[in-house]
Amino acid sequence: MARRRLLLVAAGGLAVGIATVASRGGGSHLANSSLDQESRHAPRPDAAKSASAAKSRSDTRHPPADDPARAVDEVAGQPVYYVNDGPKVIALTIDDGPSPVYTPQVLQVLAQYGVTASFSMIGENVSYYPSVAQEVAAAGHTIVNHTWNHVNLTAMKTPQLRSEIGQTTDAIHAATGRQPSMFRAPYGAWSKTLLEYCADEDLMPLDWSVDPADWSRPGVSKIVTTIMRTTRTGSIILEHDGGGNRAQTVAALKIVIPRLLDEGYRFAIP
């Protein structure tokens, strides 16, 4: 049965043009991504293991964004913020990998509890670690296109989008034999052009509704508390396996997944 999706609709009905989406959960992180924080303050552990040419580019892979707007265009369509598959059904999404250090650890936790997740992958990282991407696919998880190098797409025209997203699709297909059917915009920043491109390419625009800001390493207890406090039926949870040290994320998943299961939640793919 085709999976139904619930789209976030602004109160008062549809508005023509661009509507700015209010920040949810993570708030101010949208102007500075996880990857921006890590590249400014610490080396990427997964990049350190890559080939020398790849390593030389890792420090400039994720330039700071200029306060990208979280916007949706009502005519082109809307990003998906929630799943609608019945009571207590939620989704877990893991972003910015694959990482040879943390992705396998996340996979072990998911396998332990029989949970399926979506991994939003950076094309450049897929090109560095195709075997890790292949491991994710082989474990039955869904791979989402998350651009080639986590760039803010809101100012890009269609030819630029085609290159940034298409190159990532090619890398994912080369590594796993699969074509992504979903796309997640870095920073959760959407534009009319980007949404129209997703519609033309039959890519579901995937966003999130629960953000524990694990990218900022706030502490395991903080990550767990935020997820447990804000998750409800339909929530799409955002976590990260790439972009820096993700030990807190792995530790938090070991706690939060069994708690959510004990509360009767079931995990699904958006």
C-alpha atoms as a PDB file:
ATOM      1  CA  MET A   1       0.000   0.000   0.000  1.00  0.00           C
ATOM      2  CA  ALA A   2       1.370   3.355  -0.934  1.00  0.00           C
ATOM      3  CA  ARG A   3       2.642   5.177   2.104  1.00  0.00           C
ATOM      4  CA  ARG A   4       0.688   8.300   2.947  1.00  0.00           C
ATOM      5  CA  ARG A   5       2.448  11.507   3.888  1.00  0.00           C
ATOM      6  CA  LEU A   6       1.139  14.362   5.970  1.00  0.00           C
ATOM      7  CA  LEU A   7       2.230  17.793   4.777  1.00  0.00           C
ATOM      8  CA  LEU A   8       2.496  20.755   7.086  1.00  0.00           C
ATOM      9  CA  VAL A   9      -0.090  23.357   6.015  1.00  0.00           C
ATOM     10  CA  ALA A  10       0.066  26.901   7.327  1.00  0.00           C
ATOM     11  CA  ALA A  11      -2.796  27.896   9.575  1.00  0.00           C
ATOM     12  CA  GLY A  12      -5.469  29.840   7.775  1.00  0.00           C
ATOM     13  CA  GLY A  13      -5.053  28.027   4.470  1.00  0.00           C
ATOM     14  CA  LEU A  14      -2.648  28.150   1.586  1.00  0.00           C
ATOM     15  CA  ALA A  15      -0.808  31.314   0.684  1.00  0.00           C
ATOM     16  CA  VAL A  16       0.506  31.955  -2.805  1.00  0.00           C
ATOM     17  CA  GLY A  17       4.243  32.629  -3.051  1.00  0.00           C
ATOM     18  CA  ILE A  18       6.929  31.957  -0.484  1.00  0.00           C
ATOM     19  CA  ALA A  19       5.966  31.253   3.100  1.00  0.00           C
ATOM     20  CA  THR A  20       8.658  31.196   5.751  1.00  0.00           C
ATOM     21  CA  VAL A  21       8.457  28.140   7.977  1.00  0.00           C
ATOM     22  CA  ALA A  22       8.835  28.779  11.672  1.00  0.00           C
ATOM     23  CA  SER A  23      11.784  27.014  13.240  1.00  0.00           C
ATOM     24  CA  ARG A  24      10.965  23.767  14.995  1.00  0.00           C
ATOM     25  CA  GLY A  25      12.848  22.236  17.872  1.00  0.00           C
ATOM     26  CA  GLY A  26      16.399  23.155  16.861  1.00  0.00           C
ATOM     27  CA  GLY A  27      15.706  26.808  16.128  1.00  0.00           C
ATOM     28  CA  SER A  28      18.907  28.755  15.573  1.00  0.00           C
ATOM     29  CA  HIS A  29      20.946  25.839  14.208  1.00  0.00           C
ATOM     30  CA  LEU A  30      19.345  26.358  10.829  1.00  0.00           C
ATOM     31  CA  ALA A  31      21.608  29.286  10.046  1.00  0.00           C
ATOM     32  CA  ASN A  32      24.722  27.255  10.848  1.00  0.00           C
ATOM     33  CA  SER A  33      24.693  23.578  10.009  1.00  0.00           C
ATOM     34  CA  SER A  34      26.301  20.746  11.895  1.00  0.00           C
ATOM     35  CA  LEU A  35      28.981  20.561   9.282  1.00  0.00           C
ATOM     36  CA  ASP A  36      29.706  24.277   9.556  1.00  0.00           C
ATOM     37  CA  GLN A  37      30.217  23.950  13.304  1.00  0.00           C
ATOM     38  CA  GLU A  38      32.537  20.984  12.972  1.00  0.00           C
ATOM     39  CA  SER A  39      34.646  22.448  10.171  1.00  0.00           C
ATOM     40  CA  ARG A  40      35.183  25.647  12.176  1.00  0.00           C
ATOM     41  CA  HIS A  41      36.087  24.012  15.459  1.00  0.00           C
ATOM     42  CA  ALA A  42      37.415  20.503  14.888  1.00  0.00           C
ATOM     43  CA  PRO A  43      38.732  18.227  12.132  1.00  0.00           C
ATOM     44  CA  ARG A  44      36.343  15.704  10.651  1.00  0.00           C
ATOM     45  CA  PRO A  45      37.434  12.238  11.851  1.00  0.00           C
ATOM     46  CA  ASP A  46      36.019  10.516   8.777  1.00  0.00           C
ATOM     47  CA  ALA A  47      37.729  12.933   6.396  1.00  0.00           C
ATOM     48  CA  ALA A  48      41.046  12.184   8.087  1.00  0.00           C
ATOM     49  CA  LYS A  49      40.747   8.611   6.887  1.00  0.00           C
ATOM     50  CA  SER A  50      40.124   9.500   3.263  1.00  0.00           C
ATOM     51  CA  ALA A  51      42.616   9.779   0.465  1.00  0.00           C
ATOM     52  CA  SER A  52      44.946  12.763   0.565  1.00  0.00           C
ATOM     53  CA  ALA A  53      43.107  14.599  -2.198  1.00  0.00           C
ATOM     54  CA  ALA A  54      39.812  14.190  -0.407  1.00  0.00           C
ATOM     55  CA  LYS A  55      41.355  15.235   2.876  1.00  0.00           C
ATOM     56  CA  SER A  56      42.647  18.462   1.392  1.00  0.00           C
ATOM     57  CA  ARG A  57      39.100  19.461   0.461  1.00  0.00           C
ATOM     58  CA  SER A  58      37.379  18.470   3.707  1.00  0.00           C
ATOM     59  CA  ASP A  59      38.050  21.747   5.516  1.00  0.00           C
ATOM     60  CA  THR A  60      36.275  23.785   2.828  1.00  0.00           C
ATOM     61  CA  ARG A  61      33.498  21.320   2.112  1.00  0.00           C
ATOM     62  CA  HIS A  62      30.896  23.105   4.177  1.00  0.00           C
ATOM     63  CA  PRO A  63      31.240  26.908   4.077  1.00  0.00           C
ATOM     64  CA  PRO A  64      29.059  28.911   6.491  1.00  0.00           C
ATOM     65  CA  ALA A  65      25.578  29.626   5.213  1.00  0.00           C
ATOM     66  CA  ASP A  66      24.314  33.198   5.080  1.00  0.00           C
ATOM     67  CA  ASP A  67      21.250  32.647   7.254  1.00  0.00           C
ATOM     68  CA  PRO A  68      19.368  30.468   4.754  1.00  0.00           C
ATOM     69  CA  ALA A  69      15.614  30.921   4.956  1.00  0.00           C
ATOM     70  CA  ARG A  70      13.455  27.908   5.654  1.00  0.00           C
ATOM     71  CA  ALA A  71      10.894  28.611   2.992  1.00  0.00           C
ATOM     72  CA  VAL A  72       8.299  26.651   1.091  1.00  0.00           C
ATOM     73  CA  ASP A  73       6.385  27.553  -2.017  1.00  0.00           C
ATOM     74  CA  GLU A  74       2.728  26.680  -1.795  1.00  0.00           C
ATOM     75  CA  VAL A  75       2.321  26.267  -5.556  1.00  0.00           C
ATOM     76  CA  ALA A  76       5.336  24.015  -6.130  1.00  0.00           C
ATOM     77  CA  GLY A  77       4.541  21.856  -3.120  1.00  0.00           C
ATOM     78  CA  GLN A  78       5.744  21.464   0.432  1.00  0.00           C
ATOM     79  CA  PRO A  79       8.437  19.486   2.216  1.00  0.00           C
ATOM     80  CA  VAL A  80       7.306  16.522   4.282  1.00  0.00           C
ATOM     81  CA  TYR A  81       7.621  17.138   8.019  1.00  0.00           C
ATOM     82  CA  TYR A  82       5.538  14.235   9.344  1.00  0.00           C
ATOM     83  CA  VAL A  83       4.619  10.667   8.473  1.00  0.00           C
ATOM     84  CA  ASN A  84       0.982   9.615   8.493  1.00  0.00           C
ATOM     85  CA  ASP A  85       0.953   5.849   8.870  1.00  0.00           C
ATOM     86  CA  GLY A  86      -1.259   5.469  11.898  1.00  0.00           C
ATOM     87  CA  PRO A  87      -1.050   5.889  15.672  1.00  0.00           C
ATOM     88  CA  LYS A  88       2.423   5.904  17.256  1.00  0.00           C
ATOM     89  CA  VAL A  89       4.244   5.641  13.922  1.00  0.00           C
ATOM     90  CA  ILE A  90       7.372   7.806  13.634  1.00  0.00           C
ATOM     91  CA  ALA A  91      10.472   8.002  11.435  1.00  0.00           C
ATOM     92  CA  LEU A  92      14.181   8.223  12.218  1.00  0.00           C
ATOM     93  CA  THR A  93      16.517  10.013   9.815  1.00  0.00           C
ATOM     94  CA  ILE A  94      20.321  10.024  10.032  1.00  0.00           C
ATOM     95  CA  ASP A  95      22.183  12.809   8.221  1.00  0.00           C
ATOM     96  CA  ASP A  96      25.533  13.851   6.728  1.00  0.00           C
ATOM     97  CA  GLY A  97      27.242  10.474   6.366  1.00  0.00           C
ATOM     98  CA  PRO A  98      28.352   8.014   5.459  1.00  0.00           C
ATOM     99  CA  SER A  99      31.118   7.939   8.050  1.00  0.00           C
ATOM    100  CA  PRO A 100      33.457   4.964   8.382  1.00  0.00           C
ATOM    101  CA  VAL A 101      33.557   5.599  12.131  1.00  0.00           C
ATOM    102  CA  TYR A 102      29.981   6.334  13.191  1.00  0.00           C
ATOM    103  CA  THR A 103      27.701   4.907  10.492  1.00  0.00           C
ATOM    104  CA  PRO A 104      28.606   1.282  11.364  1.00  0.00           C
ATOM    105  CA  GLN A 105      27.937   2.048  15.039  1.00  0.00           C
ATOM    106  CA  VAL A 106      24.514   3.477  14.211  1.00  0.00           C
ATOM    107  CA  LEU A 107      23.770   0.422  12.073  1.00  0.00           C
ATOM    108  CA  GLN A 108      24.591  -1.865  14.999  1.00  0.00           C
ATOM    109  CA  VAL A 109      22.131  -0.046  17.261  1.00  0.00           C
ATOM    110  CA  LEU A 110      19.387  -0.142  14.637  1.00  0.00           C
ATOM    111  CA  ALA A 111      19.971  -3.852  14.020  1.00  0.00           C
ATOM    112  CA  GLN A 112      19.846  -4.596  17.744  1.00  0.00           C
ATOM    113  CA  TYR A 113      16.327  -3.191  17.993  1.00  0.00           C
ATOM    114  CA  GLY A 114      15.058  -4.078  14.528  1.00  0.00           C
ATOM    115  CA  VAL A 115      14.586  -0.447  13.509  1.00  0.00           C
ATOM    116  CA  THR A 116      14.702   0.806   9.932  1.00  0.00           C
ATOM    117  CA  ALA A 117      15.866   4.374   9.239  1.00  0.00           C
ATOM    118  CA  SER A 118      16.567   6.790   6.401  1.00  0.00           C
ATOM    119  CA  PHE A 119      20.157   7.946   5.874  1.00  0.00           C
ATOM    120  CA  SER A 120      20.526  11.346   4.188  1.00  0.00           C
ATOM    121  CA  MET A 121      23.928  11.062   2.549  1.00  0.00           C
ATOM    122  CA  ILE A 122      26.413  13.626   1.280  1.00  0.00           C
ATOM    123  CA  GLY A 123      27.536  12.666  -2.209  1.00  0.00           C
ATOM    124  CA  GLU A 124      31.155  13.535  -1.572  1.00  0.00           C
ATOM    125  CA  ASN A 125      31.198  11.255   1.474  1.00  0.00           C
ATOM    126  CA  VAL A 126      29.599   8.470  -0.558  1.00  0.00           C
ATOM    127  CA  SER A 127      32.413   8.824  -3.083  1.00  0.00           C
ATOM    128  CA  TYR A 128      34.971   8.477  -0.252  1.00  0.00           C
ATOM    129  CA  TYR A 129      33.272   5.557   1.487  1.00  0.00           C
ATOM    130  CA  PRO A 130      31.142   3.637  -1.024  1.00  0.00           C
ATOM    131  CA  SER A 131      31.420   0.421   0.980  1.00  0.00           C
ATOM    132  CA  VAL A 132      29.808   2.111   3.993  1.00  0.00           C
ATOM    133  CA  ALA A 133      26.935   3.359   1.831  1.00  0.00           C
ATOM    134  CA  GLN A 134      26.590  -0.160   0.469  1.00  0.00           C
ATOM    135  CA  GLU A 135      26.450  -1.524   4.027  1.00  0.00           C
ATOM    136  CA  VAL A 136      23.570   0.846   4.847  1.00  0.00           C
ATOM    137  CA  ALA A 137      21.619  -0.259   1.784  1.00  0.00           C
ATOM    138  CA  ALA A 138      22.331  -3.939   2.413  1.00  0.00           C
ATOM    139  CA  ALA A 139      20.923  -3.593   5.937  1.00  0.00           C
ATOM    140  CA  GLY A 140      17.580  -2.540   4.440  1.00  0.00           C
ATOM    141  CA  HIS A 141      17.699   1.168   5.189  1.00  0.00           C
ATOM    142  CA  THR A 142      16.707   3.927   2.774  1.00  0.00           C
ATOM    143  CA  ILE A 143      19.291   6.330   1.346  1.00  0.00           C
ATOM    144  CA  VAL A 144      18.255   9.939   0.796  1.00  0.00           C
ATOM    145  CA  ASN A 145      20.017  12.454  -1.465  1.00  0.00           C
ATOM    146  CA  HIS A 146      21.477  15.255   0.725  1.00  0.00           C
ATOM    147  CA  THR A 147      23.492  17.123  -1.970  1.00  0.00           C
ATOM    148  CA  TRP A 148      27.104  16.693  -2.972  1.00  0.00           C
ATOM    149  CA  ASN A 149      28.723  18.902  -0.326  1.00  0.00           C
ATOM    150  CA  HIS A 150      25.979  20.242   1.953  1.00  0.00           C
ATOM    151  CA  VAL A 151      25.658  23.569   0.188  1.00  0.00           C
ATOM    152  CA  ASN A 152      22.791  26.025   0.674  1.00  0.00           C
ATOM    153  CA  LEU A 153      20.684  25.603  -2.466  1.00  0.00           C
ATOM    154  CA  THR A 154      18.229  28.465  -2.084  1.00  0.00           C
ATOM    155  CA  ALA A 155      20.080  30.843  -4.434  1.00  0.00           C
ATOM    156  CA  MET A 156      20.809  28.221  -7.082  1.00  0.00           C
ATOM    157  CA  LYS A 157      19.142  28.010 -10.469  1.00  0.00           C
ATOM    158  CA  THR A 158      17.968  24.751 -11.994  1.00  0.00           C
ATOM    159  CA  PRO A 159      21.208  23.905 -13.892  1.00  0.00           C
ATOM    160  CA  GLN A 160      23.208  24.255 -10.660  1.00  0.00           C
ATOM    161  CA  LEU A 161      20.684  22.177  -8.733  1.00  0.00           C
ATOM    162  CA  ARG A 162      20.819  19.502 -11.392  1.00  0.00           C
ATOM    163  CA  SER A 163      24.597  19.240 -10.993  1.00  0.00           C
ATOM    164  CA  GLU A 164      24.620  19.290  -7.179  1.00  0.00           C
ATOM    165  CA  ILE A 165      21.808  16.782  -6.756  1.00  0.00           C
ATOM    166  CA  GLY A 166      22.427  14.702  -9.864  1.00  0.00           C
ATOM    167  CA  GLN A 167      26.073  14.098  -9.008  1.00  0.00           C
ATOM    168  CA  THR A 168      24.977  12.805  -5.612  1.00  0.00           C
ATOM    169  CA  THR A 169      22.382  10.496  -7.130  1.00  0.00           C
ATOM    170  CA  ASP A 170      25.061   9.115  -9.442  1.00  0.00           C
ATOM    171  CA  ALA A 171      27.417   8.456  -6.510  1.00  0.00           C
ATOM    172  CA  ILE A 172      24.698   6.717  -4.497  1.00  0.00           C
ATOM    173  CA  HIS A 173      23.700   4.584  -7.476  1.00  0.00           C
ATOM    174  CA  ALA A 174      27.325   3.661  -8.185  1.00  0.00           C
ATOM    175  CA  ALA A 175      27.857   2.585  -4.569  1.00  0.00           C
ATOM    176  CA  THR A 176      24.554   0.828  -3.889  1.00  0.00           C
ATOM    177  CA  GLY A 177      22.798   0.211  -7.210  1.00  0.00           C
ATOM    178  CA  ARG A 178      19.840   2.232  -5.936  1.00  0.00           C
ATOM    179  CA  GLN A 179      18.293   5.504  -7.089  1.00  0.00           C
ATOM    180  CA  PRO A 180      17.227   7.796  -4.228  1.00  0.00           C
ATOM    181  CA  SER A 181      13.531   8.682  -4.200  1.00  0.00           C
ATOM    182  CA  MET A 182      13.831  11.341  -1.493  1.00  0.00           C
ATOM    183  CA  PHE A 183      15.822  14.541  -1.147  1.00  0.00           C
ATOM    184  CA  ARG A 184      16.665  16.519   2.000  1.00  0.00           C
ATOM    185  CA  ALA A 185      17.798  20.141   1.672  1.00  0.00           C
ATOM    186  CA  PRO A 186      20.787  21.180   3.786  1.00  0.00           C
ATOM    187  CA  TYR A 187      19.744  23.493   6.631  1.00  0.00           C
ATOM    188  CA  GLY A 188      16.124  22.630   5.826  1.00  0.00           C
ATOM    189  CA  ALA A 189      16.301  25.517   3.343  1.00  0.00           C
ATOM    190  CA  TRP A 190      13.815  25.216   0.478  1.00  0.00           C
ATOM    191  CA  SER A 191      13.153  27.476  -2.490  1.00  0.00           C
ATOM    192  CA  LYS A 192      10.502  27.509  -5.202  1.00  0.00           C
ATOM    193  CA  THR A 193      13.103  26.411  -7.766  1.00  0.00           C
ATOM    194  CA  LEU A 194      14.319  23.565  -5.564  1.00  0.00           C
ATOM    195  CA  LEU A 195      10.814  22.276  -4.857  1.00  0.00           C
ATOM    196  CA  GLU A 196       9.914  22.431  -8.535  1.00  0.00           C
ATOM    197  CA  TYR A 197      13.098  20.520  -9.367  1.00  0.00           C
ATOM    198  CA  CYS A 198      12.198  17.833  -6.808  1.00  0.00           C
ATOM    199  CA  ALA A 199       8.729  17.546  -8.336  1.00  0.00           C
ATOM    200  CA  ASP A 200      10.158  17.251 -11.844  1.00  0.00           C
ATOM    201  CA  GLU A 201      12.632  14.572 -10.734  1.00  0.00           C
ATOM    202  CA  ASP A 202      10.042  12.716  -8.628  1.00  0.00           C
ATOM    203  CA  LEU A 203      12.061  13.287  -5.447  1.00  0.00           C
ATOM    204  CA  MET A 204      10.057  13.601  -2.247  1.00  0.00           C
ATOM    205  CA  PRO A 205      11.286  16.707  -0.351  1.00  0.00           C
ATOM    206  CA  LEU A 206      12.016  15.393   3.135  1.00  0.00           C
ATOM    207  CA  ASP A 207      12.307  17.642   6.186  1.00  0.00           C
ATOM    208  CA  TRP A 208      11.964  16.917   9.920  1.00  0.00           C
ATOM    209  CA  SER A 209       9.855  17.816  12.948  1.00  0.00           C
ATOM    210  CA  VAL A 210      12.039  16.754  15.904  1.00  0.00           C
ATOM    211  CA  ASP A 211      15.551  18.194  16.181  1.00  0.00           C
ATOM    212  CA  PRO A 212      17.586  17.359  19.313  1.00  0.00           C
ATOM    213  CA  ALA A 213      20.558  19.374  17.945  1.00  0.00           C
ATOM    214  CA  ASP A 214      22.859  16.386  18.336  1.00  0.00           C
ATOM    215  CA  TRP A 215      25.165  18.070  15.788  1.00  0.00           C
ATOM    216  CA  SER A 216      26.144  20.560  18.537  1.00  0.00           C
ATOM    217  CA  ARG A 217      27.035  17.780  21.002  1.00  0.00           C
ATOM    218  CA  PRO A 218      24.834  19.108  23.833  1.00  0.00           C
ATOM    219  CA  GLY A 219      25.301  15.943  25.877  1.00  0.00           C
ATOM    220  CA  VAL A 220      23.678  12.523  25.687  1.00  0.00           C
ATOM    221  CA  SER A 221      21.020  13.301  28.297  1.00  0.00           C
ATOM    222  CA  LYS A 222      20.002  16.489  26.486  1.00  0.00           C
ATOM    223  CA  ILE A 223      19.615  14.644  23.180  1.00  0.00           C
ATOM    224  CA  VAL A 224      17.521  11.934  24.817  1.00  0.00           C
ATOM    225  CA  THR A 225      15.372  14.391  26.780  1.00  0.00           C
ATOM    226  CA  THR A 226      14.598  16.497  23.709  1.00  0.00           C
ATOM    227  CA  ILE A 227      13.571  13.497  21.624  1.00  0.00           C
ATOM    228  CA  MET A 228      11.399  11.981  24.332  1.00  0.00           C
ATOM    229  CA  ARG A 229       9.743  15.321  25.134  1.00  0.00           C
ATOM    230  CA  THR A 230       8.946  16.363  21.572  1.00  0.00           C
ATOM    231  CA  THR A 231       8.252  13.091  19.744  1.00  0.00           C
ATOM    232  CA  ARG A 232       4.622  12.272  19.036  1.00  0.00           C
ATOM    233  CA  THR A 233       2.686  10.343  16.411  1.00  0.00           C
ATOM    234  CA  GLY A 234       4.000  11.268  12.971  1.00  0.00           C
ATOM    235  CA  SER A 235       7.288  12.821  14.088  1.00  0.00           C
ATOM    236  CA  ILE A 236      10.322  12.680  11.829  1.00  0.00           C
ATOM    237  CA  ILE A 237      13.415  12.694  14.068  1.00  0.00           C
ATOM    238  CA  LEU A 238      16.692  14.223  12.884  1.00  0.00           C
ATOM    239  CA  GLU A 239      20.034  12.750  13.969  1.00  0.00           C
ATOM    240  CA  HIS A 240      23.546  12.707  12.484  1.00  0.00           C
ATOM    241  CA  ASP A 241      26.214  10.114  11.730  1.00  0.00           C
ATOM    242  CA  GLY A 242      28.521  12.482   9.826  1.00  0.00           C
ATOM    243  CA  GLY A 243      30.028  15.948  10.154  1.00  0.00           C
ATOM    244  CA  GLY A 244      32.215  15.348  13.193  1.00  0.00           C
ATOM    245  CA  ASN A 245      32.346  13.396  16.431  1.00  0.00           C
ATOM    246  CA  ARG A 246      29.012  11.616  16.723  1.00  0.00           C
ATOM    247  CA  ALA A 247      29.726   9.515  19.818  1.00  0.00           C
ATOM    248  CA  GLN A 248      26.968  11.356  21.714  1.00  0.00           C
ATOM    249  CA  THR A 249      24.470  10.557  18.971  1.00  0.00           C
ATOM    250  CA  VAL A 250      25.325   6.858  19.049  1.00  0.00           C
ATOM    251  CA  ALA A 251      25.074   6.774  22.849  1.00  0.00           C
ATOM    252  CA  ALA A 252      21.749   8.623  22.756  1.00  0.00           C
ATOM    253  CA  LEU A 253      20.291   6.239  20.178  1.00  0.00           C
ATOM    254  CA  LYS A 254      21.124   3.312  22.453  1.00  0.00           C
ATOM    255  CA  ILE A 255      18.899   4.900  25.087  1.00  0.00           C
ATOM    256  CA  VAL A 256      16.144   6.582  23.111  1.00  0.00           C
ATOM    257  CA  ILE A 257      15.264   3.804  20.669  1.00  0.00           C
ATOM    258  CA  PRO A 258      14.320   1.210  23.329  1.00  0.00           C
ATOM    259  CA  ARG A 259      12.441   3.902  25.287  1.00  0.00           C
ATOM    260  CA  LEU A 260      10.400   4.867  22.244  1.00  0.00           C
ATOM    261  CA  LEU A 261       9.688   1.226  21.499  1.00  0.00           C
ATOM    262  CA  ASP A 262       8.623   0.677  25.113  1.00  0.00           C
ATOM    263  CA  GLU A 263       6.192   3.592  24.754  1.00  0.00           C
ATOM    264  CA  GLY A 264       4.598   1.809  21.810  1.00  0.00           C
ATOM    265  CA  TYR A 265       6.140   3.770  18.929  1.00  0.00           C
ATOM    266  CA  ARG A 266       6.855   2.032  15.637  1.00  0.00           C
ATOM    267  CA  PHE A 267       9.459   3.218  13.130  1.00  0.00           C
ATOM    268  CA  ALA A 268       8.674   3.650   9.451  1.00  0.00           C
ATOM    269  CA  ILE A 269      10.233   5.168   6.343  1.00  0.00           C
ATOM    270  CA  PRO A 270       8.672   8.513   5.299  1.00  0.00           C
END
